[in-house]
């Protein structure tokens, strides 16, 4: 069996990114290991692919922080309780670009991470 284990998300600062993903989105900090002048930082929302938070250290990387997908929704956070997670995220100060809406595929709303990357908070419709 094959799967994608990690996806890299370029961030401005390790600690502010950890705080946002763990406290704001409810992720778990899986690993934070120093590696010289860098760190290996992995966060997870549960089952499936985890995020490797990689601090930008070149001008090119810094230019990509917050716009890794050219303004499109590039990340999808699935939930089994949309209202619970939406309320927690709003209380933390997460910026939602729209009000929650119901689509044929589920309940969804677009939000931005602390750098402006667009995400869907999605509770998939039951089959």
N, C-alpha and C. Protein backbone atom coordinates (compact mmCIF):
# COMPACT_ATOMS: atom_id res chain seq x y z
N UNK A 1 0.83 -1.18 0.00
CA UNK A 1 0.00 0.00 0.00
C UNK A 1 0.88 1.24 0.00
N UNK A 2 0.49 2.26 -0.76
CA UNK A 2 1.24 3.51 -0.82
C UNK A 2 0.34 4.64 -0.35
N UNK A 3 0.96 5.67 0.20
CA UNK A 3 0.21 6.85 0.61
C UNK A 3 1.16 8.03 0.68
N UNK A 4 0.61 9.22 0.63
CA UNK A 4 1.40 10.44 0.83
C UNK A 4 1.49 10.66 2.32
N UNK A 5 2.69 10.65 2.86
CA UNK A 5 2.88 10.76 4.30
C UNK A 5 2.91 12.19 4.80
N UNK A 6 3.61 13.07 4.06
CA UNK A 6 3.76 14.46 4.46
C UNK A 6 3.59 15.38 3.27
N UNK A 7 3.09 16.57 3.55
CA UNK A 7 3.06 17.66 2.58
C UNK A 7 3.74 18.84 3.26
N UNK A 8 4.68 19.46 2.55
CA UNK A 8 5.40 20.60 3.12
C UNK A 8 4.58 21.87 2.99
N UNK A 9 4.51 22.62 4.07
CA UNK A 9 3.89 23.93 4.09
C UNK A 9 4.97 24.92 4.53
N UNK A 10 5.32 25.86 3.66
CA UNK A 10 6.35 26.83 3.97
C UNK A 10 5.76 27.90 4.88
N UNK A 11 6.42 28.14 6.00
CA UNK A 11 5.93 29.07 7.02
C UNK A 11 6.98 30.14 7.31
N UNK A 12 6.54 31.24 7.89
CA UNK A 12 7.45 32.33 8.25
C UNK A 12 8.25 32.00 9.50
N UNK A 13 7.59 31.36 10.47
CA UNK A 13 8.22 31.11 11.77
C UNK A 13 7.67 29.81 12.34
N UNK A 14 8.55 28.93 12.79
CA UNK A 14 8.12 27.64 13.34
C UNK A 14 7.12 27.81 14.49
N UNK A 15 7.48 28.62 15.47
CA UNK A 15 6.67 28.69 16.69
C UNK A 15 5.30 29.29 16.45
N UNK A 16 5.19 30.35 15.62
CA UNK A 16 3.88 30.92 15.35
C UNK A 16 3.02 29.95 14.54
N UNK A 17 3.65 29.18 13.66
CA UNK A 17 2.91 28.19 12.88
C UNK A 17 2.42 27.05 13.77
N UNK A 18 3.28 26.58 14.67
CA UNK A 18 2.86 25.53 15.59
C UNK A 18 1.66 26.01 16.41
N UNK A 19 1.75 27.22 16.95
CA UNK A 19 0.64 27.76 17.76
C UNK A 19 -0.66 27.80 16.95
N UNK A 20 -0.59 28.29 15.72
CA UNK A 20 -1.79 28.39 14.89
C UNK A 20 -2.40 27.02 14.61
N UNK A 21 -1.59 26.09 14.16
CA UNK A 21 -2.12 24.78 13.78
C UNK A 21 -2.56 23.95 14.98
N UNK A 22 -1.86 24.06 16.08
CA UNK A 22 -2.23 23.27 17.26
C UNK A 22 -3.37 23.92 18.04
N UNK A 23 -3.22 25.19 18.40
CA UNK A 23 -4.25 25.85 19.19
C UNK A 23 -5.44 26.31 18.36
N UNK A 24 -5.19 26.82 17.18
CA UNK A 24 -6.25 27.36 16.34
C UNK A 24 -7.05 26.32 15.58
N UNK A 25 -6.35 25.35 15.02
CA UNK A 25 -7.03 24.35 14.20
C UNK A 25 -7.20 23.01 14.89
N UNK A 26 -6.58 22.83 16.05
CA UNK A 26 -6.75 21.59 16.79
C UNK A 26 -5.87 20.45 16.33
N UNK A 27 -4.80 20.75 15.59
CA UNK A 27 -3.87 19.71 15.16
C UNK A 27 -3.06 19.23 16.36
N UNK A 28 -2.39 18.12 16.18
CA UNK A 28 -1.48 17.57 17.18
C UNK A 28 -0.05 17.80 16.70
N UNK A 29 0.81 18.26 17.60
CA UNK A 29 2.22 18.38 17.29
C UNK A 29 2.82 16.98 17.39
N UNK A 30 3.22 16.43 16.27
CA UNK A 30 3.74 15.06 16.20
C UNK A 30 5.23 15.04 16.49
N UNK A 31 5.95 16.03 15.97
CA UNK A 31 7.40 16.05 16.14
C UNK A 31 7.92 17.46 16.01
N UNK A 32 8.89 17.80 16.82
CA UNK A 32 9.61 19.07 16.73
C UNK A 32 11.05 18.78 17.12
N UNK A 33 11.85 18.45 16.12
CA UNK A 33 13.22 18.01 16.35
C UNK A 33 14.21 19.00 15.74
N UNK A 34 15.12 19.56 16.56
CA UNK A 34 16.15 20.44 16.03
C UNK A 34 17.06 19.69 15.06
N UNK A 35 17.44 20.37 13.99
CA UNK A 35 18.38 19.81 13.01
C UNK A 35 19.36 20.90 12.60
N UNK A 36 20.25 21.24 13.51
CA UNK A 36 21.18 22.34 13.23
C UNK A 36 20.44 23.66 13.27
N UNK A 37 20.49 24.40 12.16
CA UNK A 37 19.80 25.69 12.10
C UNK A 37 18.35 25.57 11.66
N UNK A 38 17.88 24.34 11.45
CA UNK A 38 16.49 24.09 11.06
C UNK A 38 15.84 23.18 12.09
N UNK A 39 14.55 22.96 11.91
CA UNK A 39 13.81 22.02 12.76
C UNK A 39 12.95 21.13 11.86
N UNK A 40 12.70 19.92 12.32
CA UNK A 40 11.77 19.00 11.65
C UNK A 40 10.49 19.07 12.46
N UNK A 41 9.49 19.80 11.91
CA UNK A 41 8.25 20.05 12.63
C UNK A 41 7.09 19.45 11.85
N UNK A 42 6.41 18.50 12.49
CA UNK A 42 5.28 17.81 11.86
C UNK A 42 4.05 17.99 12.72
N UNK A 43 2.93 18.39 12.08
CA UNK A 43 1.64 18.48 12.75
C UNK A 43 0.65 17.61 12.00
N UNK A 44 -0.36 17.14 12.73
CA UNK A 44 -1.33 16.24 12.13
C UNK A 44 -2.73 16.57 12.63
N UNK A 45 -3.69 16.44 11.73
CA UNK A 45 -5.09 16.64 12.08
C UNK A 45 -5.77 15.32 12.42
N UNK A 46 -5.02 14.24 12.42
CA UNK A 46 -5.59 12.92 12.70
C UNK A 46 -5.08 11.93 11.68
N UNK A 47 -5.98 11.14 11.14
CA UNK A 47 -5.59 10.14 10.16
C UNK A 47 -5.23 10.80 8.84
N UNK A 48 -4.36 10.17 8.10
CA UNK A 48 -4.03 10.66 6.77
C UNK A 48 -2.74 11.44 6.74
N UNK A 49 -2.62 12.29 5.76
CA UNK A 49 -1.42 13.05 5.51
C UNK A 49 -1.18 14.09 6.60
N UNK A 50 0.06 14.25 6.99
CA UNK A 50 0.45 15.27 7.96
C UNK A 50 1.16 16.40 7.25
N UNK A 51 1.31 17.52 7.95
CA UNK A 51 2.02 18.68 7.41
C UNK A 51 3.41 18.78 8.00
N UNK A 52 4.39 18.97 7.14
CA UNK A 52 5.74 19.32 7.56
C UNK A 52 5.83 20.83 7.47
N UNK A 53 5.97 21.50 8.61
CA UNK A 53 6.10 22.95 8.64
C UNK A 53 7.56 23.30 8.41
N UNK A 54 7.85 23.97 7.30
CA UNK A 54 9.22 24.29 6.91
C UNK A 54 9.40 25.80 6.90
N UNK A 55 10.24 26.28 7.78
CA UNK A 55 10.47 27.72 7.87
C UNK A 55 11.24 28.19 6.65
N UNK A 56 10.70 29.23 6.00
CA UNK A 56 11.35 29.80 4.81
C UNK A 56 12.70 30.37 5.18
N UNK A 57 13.72 30.04 4.38
CA UNK A 57 15.05 30.56 4.69
C UNK A 57 15.75 31.17 3.48
N UNK A 58 15.03 31.30 2.37
CA UNK A 58 15.58 32.01 1.21
C UNK A 58 14.54 33.03 0.76
N UNK A 59 14.96 33.97 -0.02
CA UNK A 59 14.02 34.97 -0.55
C UNK A 59 12.91 34.34 -1.36
N UNK A 60 13.24 33.35 -2.17
CA UNK A 60 12.24 32.66 -2.98
C UNK A 60 11.21 31.96 -2.09
N UNK A 61 11.68 31.27 -1.06
CA UNK A 61 10.76 30.60 -0.14
C UNK A 61 9.91 31.61 0.61
N UNK A 62 10.50 32.70 1.07
CA UNK A 62 9.74 33.72 1.79
C UNK A 62 8.65 34.32 0.91
N UNK A 63 8.91 34.44 -0.38
CA UNK A 63 7.91 34.97 -1.31
C UNK A 63 6.73 34.03 -1.48
N UNK A 64 6.91 32.75 -1.19
CA UNK A 64 5.84 31.75 -1.35
C UNK A 64 4.98 31.59 -0.09
N UNK A 65 5.45 32.09 1.04
CA UNK A 65 4.68 31.95 2.28
C UNK A 65 3.32 32.63 2.09
N UNK A 66 2.28 31.87 2.30
CA UNK A 66 0.92 32.39 2.20
C UNK A 66 0.31 32.34 0.82
N UNK A 67 1.06 31.94 -0.18
CA UNK A 67 0.53 31.88 -1.53
C UNK A 67 1.10 30.68 -2.27
N UNK A 68 1.06 29.55 -1.60
CA UNK A 68 1.65 28.34 -2.18
C UNK A 68 0.83 27.76 -3.33
N UNK A 69 -0.43 28.18 -3.45
CA UNK A 69 -1.28 27.62 -4.51
C UNK A 69 -1.87 28.70 -5.41
N UNK A 70 -1.23 29.86 -5.45
CA UNK A 70 -1.66 30.92 -6.36
C UNK A 70 -3.04 31.46 -6.05
N UNK A 71 -3.46 31.44 -4.79
CA UNK A 71 -4.75 31.99 -4.40
C UNK A 71 -5.90 31.00 -4.43
N UNK A 72 -5.65 29.78 -4.85
CA UNK A 72 -6.69 28.75 -4.85
C UNK A 72 -6.72 28.06 -3.50
N UNK A 73 -7.86 27.43 -3.20
CA UNK A 73 -7.91 26.55 -2.04
C UNK A 73 -6.96 25.40 -2.33
N UNK A 74 -6.02 25.20 -1.44
CA UNK A 74 -5.02 24.17 -1.66
C UNK A 74 -5.00 23.09 -0.60
N UNK A 75 -5.76 23.33 0.49
CA UNK A 75 -5.74 22.40 1.62
C UNK A 75 -7.16 22.17 2.08
N UNK A 76 -7.44 20.97 2.53
CA UNK A 76 -8.79 20.58 2.90
C UNK A 76 -8.76 19.90 4.26
N UNK A 77 -9.43 20.53 5.22
CA UNK A 77 -9.48 20.01 6.58
C UNK A 77 -10.86 19.38 6.78
N UNK A 78 -10.91 18.06 6.77
CA UNK A 78 -12.17 17.35 6.97
C UNK A 78 -12.49 17.27 8.45
N UNK A 79 -13.78 17.31 8.75
CA UNK A 79 -14.25 17.23 10.13
C UNK A 79 -15.50 16.37 10.19
N UNK A 80 -15.76 15.81 11.37
CA UNK A 80 -17.01 15.08 11.57
C UNK A 80 -18.02 15.94 12.31
N UNK A 81 -17.63 17.18 12.68
CA UNK A 81 -18.52 18.11 13.37
C UNK A 81 -18.16 19.54 12.96
N UNK A 82 -18.74 19.97 11.87
CA UNK A 82 -18.43 21.26 11.29
C UNK A 82 -18.67 22.39 12.29
N UNK A 83 -19.84 22.40 12.91
CA UNK A 83 -20.20 23.51 13.80
C UNK A 83 -19.23 23.63 14.98
N UNK A 84 -18.83 22.52 15.56
CA UNK A 84 -17.87 22.53 16.67
C UNK A 84 -16.55 23.13 16.24
N UNK A 85 -16.01 22.65 15.13
CA UNK A 85 -14.70 23.11 14.70
C UNK A 85 -14.75 24.55 14.19
N UNK A 86 -15.81 24.90 13.50
CA UNK A 86 -15.96 26.27 13.02
C UNK A 86 -15.99 27.23 14.20
N UNK A 87 -16.77 26.92 15.23
CA UNK A 87 -16.88 27.79 16.41
C UNK A 87 -15.53 27.92 17.11
N UNK A 88 -14.79 26.82 17.27
CA UNK A 88 -13.49 26.88 17.92
C UNK A 88 -12.52 27.74 17.12
N UNK A 89 -12.55 27.59 15.81
CA UNK A 89 -11.64 28.34 14.96
C UNK A 89 -11.97 29.83 14.98
N UNK A 90 -13.25 30.16 14.92
CA UNK A 90 -13.67 31.56 14.97
C UNK A 90 -13.24 32.18 16.30
N UNK A 91 -13.44 31.45 17.39
CA UNK A 91 -13.06 31.95 18.72
C UNK A 91 -11.55 32.21 18.80
N UNK A 92 -10.77 31.44 18.09
CA UNK A 92 -9.32 31.61 18.07
C UNK A 92 -8.91 32.80 17.21
N UNK A 93 -9.80 33.21 16.30
CA UNK A 93 -9.50 34.33 15.41
C UNK A 93 -9.17 33.94 13.98
N UNK A 94 -9.45 32.68 13.62
CA UNK A 94 -9.22 32.25 12.24
C UNK A 94 -10.14 33.05 11.33
N UNK A 95 -9.58 33.54 10.22
CA UNK A 95 -10.35 34.35 9.26
C UNK A 95 -11.05 33.46 8.25
N UNK A 96 -12.39 33.47 8.29
CA UNK A 96 -13.18 32.77 7.29
C UNK A 96 -13.54 33.75 6.20
N UNK A 97 -13.36 33.35 4.96
CA UNK A 97 -13.63 34.21 3.80
C UNK A 97 -15.10 34.22 3.42
N UNK A 98 -15.89 33.35 4.04
CA UNK A 98 -17.31 33.23 3.69
C UNK A 98 -18.05 32.58 4.84
N UNK A 99 -19.35 32.67 4.77
CA UNK A 99 -20.22 31.99 5.73
C UNK A 99 -20.29 30.51 5.35
N UNK A 100 -20.49 29.63 6.32
CA UNK A 100 -20.66 28.21 5.99
C UNK A 100 -21.82 28.01 5.01
N UNK A 101 -21.63 27.05 4.13
CA UNK A 101 -22.68 26.75 3.16
C UNK A 101 -22.80 25.24 2.98
N UNK A 102 -23.96 24.83 2.55
CA UNK A 102 -24.22 23.41 2.28
C UNK A 102 -24.16 23.16 0.78
N UNK A 103 -23.33 22.20 0.42
CA UNK A 103 -23.17 21.79 -0.98
C UNK A 103 -23.53 20.30 -1.07
N UNK A 104 -23.63 19.77 -2.27
CA UNK A 104 -23.98 18.36 -2.42
C UNK A 104 -22.91 17.47 -1.79
N UNK A 105 -21.69 17.94 -1.75
CA UNK A 105 -20.59 17.14 -1.20
C UNK A 105 -20.40 17.34 0.31
N UNK A 106 -21.12 18.32 0.92
CA UNK A 106 -21.03 18.50 2.36
C UNK A 106 -21.15 19.95 2.79
N UNK A 107 -20.93 20.19 4.07
CA UNK A 107 -20.94 21.53 4.65
C UNK A 107 -19.52 22.07 4.59
N UNK A 108 -19.37 23.31 4.10
CA UNK A 108 -18.04 23.83 3.80
C UNK A 108 -17.96 25.33 4.03
N UNK A 109 -16.76 25.80 4.34
CA UNK A 109 -16.45 27.23 4.35
C UNK A 109 -14.95 27.38 4.11
N UNK A 110 -14.60 28.40 3.34
CA UNK A 110 -13.20 28.68 3.05
C UNK A 110 -12.63 29.56 4.16
N UNK A 111 -11.46 29.17 4.66
CA UNK A 111 -10.76 30.00 5.64
C UNK A 111 -9.31 30.16 5.22
N UNK A 112 -8.63 31.09 5.89
CA UNK A 112 -7.22 31.31 5.62
C UNK A 112 -6.39 30.93 6.84
N UNK A 113 -5.22 30.35 6.58
CA UNK A 113 -4.31 30.12 7.69
C UNK A 113 -3.65 31.45 8.05
N UNK A 114 -2.75 31.45 8.99
CA UNK A 114 -2.16 32.70 9.47
C UNK A 114 -1.35 33.43 8.43
N UNK A 115 -1.04 32.78 7.32
CA UNK A 115 -0.27 33.43 6.26
C UNK A 115 -1.11 33.79 5.03
N UNK A 116 -2.35 33.32 4.98
CA UNK A 116 -3.22 33.62 3.85
C UNK A 116 -3.48 32.45 2.92
N UNK A 117 -2.84 31.29 3.15
CA UNK A 117 -3.17 30.12 2.35
C UNK A 117 -4.64 29.77 2.56
N UNK A 118 -5.32 29.43 1.49
CA UNK A 118 -6.75 29.11 1.58
C UNK A 118 -6.97 27.63 1.82
N UNK A 119 -7.90 27.37 2.73
CA UNK A 119 -8.29 26.03 3.13
C UNK A 119 -9.80 25.91 3.05
N UNK A 120 -10.30 24.69 2.85
CA UNK A 120 -11.71 24.37 3.07
C UNK A 120 -11.83 23.66 4.40
N UNK A 121 -12.73 24.12 5.27
CA UNK A 121 -13.19 23.31 6.39
C UNK A 121 -14.39 22.57 5.85
N UNK A 122 -14.35 21.25 5.88
CA UNK A 122 -15.36 20.45 5.18
C UNK A 122 -15.85 19.30 6.03
N UNK A 123 -17.16 19.25 6.20
CA UNK A 123 -17.80 18.06 6.75
C UNK A 123 -18.46 17.36 5.59
N UNK A 124 -17.86 16.25 5.10
CA UNK A 124 -18.39 15.57 3.92
C UNK A 124 -19.83 15.10 4.16
N UNK A 125 -20.62 15.14 3.08
CA UNK A 125 -21.99 14.64 3.13
C UNK A 125 -21.95 13.14 3.36
N UNK A 126 -22.92 12.66 4.05
CA UNK A 126 -23.00 11.21 4.29
C UNK A 126 -23.51 10.52 3.04
N UNK A 127 -22.91 9.39 2.77
CA UNK A 127 -23.28 8.64 1.56
C UNK A 127 -24.59 7.93 1.74
